[in-house]
């Protein structure tokens, strides 16, 4: 059984910062890529940023220069540092782990989501 547990969401004023964390637990041998997606009310879920086990990063255009994704492979944890937050960044942020290989597990997994609200 694999679980992804997110933390770090909350309410922040425009221009502020938040750091999200997502830890994958279970008997895991490897995870190819980890990333963050978000879904605002009435909108489809969209990619925010991803990072592979080798460190290759991909960002949505809307967050480039403001958000930074990083990863601790030893801890199976991914982070999202969000700076210069804007009201349009308000959404539920979901962690995703791609191609997990572990004891009795293989596949993609999602976290439960954490709310980020940017408002004055």
Protein backbone atom coordinates (compact mmCIF):
# COMPACT_ATOMS: atom_id res chain seq x y z
CA UNK A 1 0.00 0.00 0.00
CA UNK A 2 1.30 3.44 -0.96
CA UNK A 3 0.12 6.72 0.51
CA UNK A 4 0.97 10.26 -0.51
CA UNK A 5 0.53 12.75 2.31
CA UNK A 6 0.59 16.46 1.53
CA UNK A 7 1.11 19.34 3.93
CA UNK A 8 1.80 23.06 3.90
CA UNK A 9 -1.30 24.56 2.38
CA UNK A 10 -3.15 27.49 3.87
CA UNK A 11 -4.21 31.09 3.50
CA UNK A 12 -1.66 33.67 2.37
CA UNK A 13 -1.80 37.24 1.16
CA UNK A 14 -0.93 38.16 -2.42
CA UNK A 15 2.84 38.37 -2.80
CA UNK A 16 3.39 35.90 0.01
CA UNK A 17 5.00 32.48 0.04
CA UNK A 18 4.08 28.91 0.96
CA UNK A 19 5.95 25.63 0.86
CA UNK A 20 4.12 22.41 0.11
CA UNK A 21 5.47 18.98 1.00
CA UNK A 22 4.40 15.53 -0.13
CA UNK A 23 5.79 12.33 1.31
CA UNK A 24 5.20 8.91 -0.21
CA UNK A 25 5.05 6.09 2.32
CA UNK A 26 5.10 2.34 1.87
CA UNK A 27 7.55 -0.31 0.73
CA UNK A 28 8.83 1.69 -2.25
CA UNK A 29 11.86 0.84 -4.35
CA UNK A 30 11.67 3.72 -6.79
CA UNK A 31 9.52 6.57 -8.07
CA UNK A 32 10.15 7.86 -11.59
CA UNK A 33 8.60 11.30 -11.30
CA UNK A 34 6.81 13.34 -8.66
CA UNK A 35 4.83 16.45 -9.22
CA UNK A 36 2.17 18.93 -8.28
CA UNK A 37 -1.13 19.60 -9.98
CA UNK A 38 -3.87 22.02 -9.03
CA UNK A 39 -7.58 22.39 -9.53
CA UNK A 40 -9.47 25.61 -9.04
CA UNK A 41 -13.28 25.66 -8.63
CA UNK A 42 -14.98 25.11 -11.97
CA UNK A 43 -11.73 24.35 -13.76
CA UNK A 44 -9.90 21.24 -14.87
CA UNK A 45 -6.94 19.90 -12.96
CA UNK A 46 -3.72 21.28 -14.44
CA UNK A 47 -0.03 20.55 -14.15
CA UNK A 48 1.99 22.90 -11.97
CA UNK A 49 5.43 21.29 -11.88
CA UNK A 50 7.11 17.90 -12.10
CA UNK A 51 10.55 16.53 -11.30
CA UNK A 52 12.08 13.21 -12.27
CA UNK A 53 14.31 11.04 -10.13
CA UNK A 54 17.22 12.42 -12.13
CA UNK A 55 16.28 16.00 -11.36
CA UNK A 56 14.71 17.10 -14.64
CA UNK A 57 12.09 19.76 -13.97
CA UNK A 58 9.05 20.94 -15.88
CA UNK A 59 6.90 23.95 -14.99
CA UNK A 60 3.64 25.41 -16.20
CA UNK A 61 4.23 28.77 -17.88
CA UNK A 62 2.01 30.47 -15.30
CA UNK A 63 4.36 29.58 -12.42
CA UNK A 64 7.79 29.82 -14.03
CA UNK A 65 10.07 32.10 -12.08
CA UNK A 66 7.82 32.02 -9.01
CA UNK A 67 7.57 28.34 -8.03
CA UNK A 68 10.42 25.89 -7.45
CA UNK A 69 10.02 22.12 -7.26
CA UNK A 70 12.58 19.97 -5.47
CA UNK A 71 12.83 16.40 -4.34
CA UNK A 72 14.53 14.24 -1.73
CA UNK A 73 14.79 10.80 -3.31
CA UNK A 74 15.98 9.16 -0.09
CA UNK A 75 12.82 10.34 1.68
CA UNK A 76 10.47 9.89 -1.31
CA UNK A 77 9.41 13.47 -0.72
CA UNK A 78 8.70 16.31 -3.12
CA UNK A 79 8.47 20.00 -2.25
CA UNK A 80 6.95 23.02 -3.95
CA UNK A 81 8.23 26.42 -2.91
CA UNK A 82 5.70 29.01 -4.02
CA UNK A 83 6.73 32.67 -4.01
CA UNK A 84 5.03 35.84 -5.23
CA UNK A 85 1.66 34.15 -4.91
CA UNK A 86 -1.28 35.58 -6.81
CA UNK A 87 -5.03 35.20 -6.23
CA UNK A 88 -5.19 33.08 -9.41
CA UNK A 89 -2.94 30.51 -7.69
CA UNK A 90 -5.85 29.68 -5.38
CA UNK A 91 -6.70 26.01 -5.84
CA UNK A 92 -6.51 22.58 -4.31
CA UNK A 93 -2.98 21.32 -4.91
CA UNK A 94 -2.48 17.61 -5.49
CA UNK A 95 0.70 15.62 -5.32
CA UNK A 96 1.27 12.83 -7.85
CA UNK A 97 3.87 10.10 -8.01
CA UNK A 98 4.44 8.40 -11.37
CA UNK A 99 5.52 4.82 -11.90
CA UNK A 100 6.05 3.79 -8.30
CA UNK A 101 7.71 0.39 -7.99
CA UNK A 102 7.53 -1.29 -4.63
CA UNK A 103 6.59 -4.42 -2.74
CA UNK A 104 3.33 -5.47 -4.33
CA UNK A 105 2.73 -2.06 -5.89
CA UNK A 106 3.28 -0.53 -9.28
CA UNK A 107 1.65 2.51 -10.86
CA UNK A 108 0.68 6.13 -10.39
CA UNK A 109 -0.67 7.53 -7.15
CA UNK A 110 -2.34 10.78 -6.08
CA UNK A 111 -2.43 12.55 -2.74
CA UNK A 112 -5.64 13.78 -1.15
CA UNK A 113 -5.00 17.43 -1.93
CA UNK A 114 -4.23 20.53 0.13
CA UNK A 115 -5.99 23.88 -0.17
CA UNK A 116 -4.01 26.98 -1.07
CA UNK A 117 -5.89 30.27 -0.84
CA UNK A 118 -4.31 33.56 -1.87
CA UNK A 119 -6.39 36.47 -0.66
CA UNK A 120 -6.10 39.76 1.16
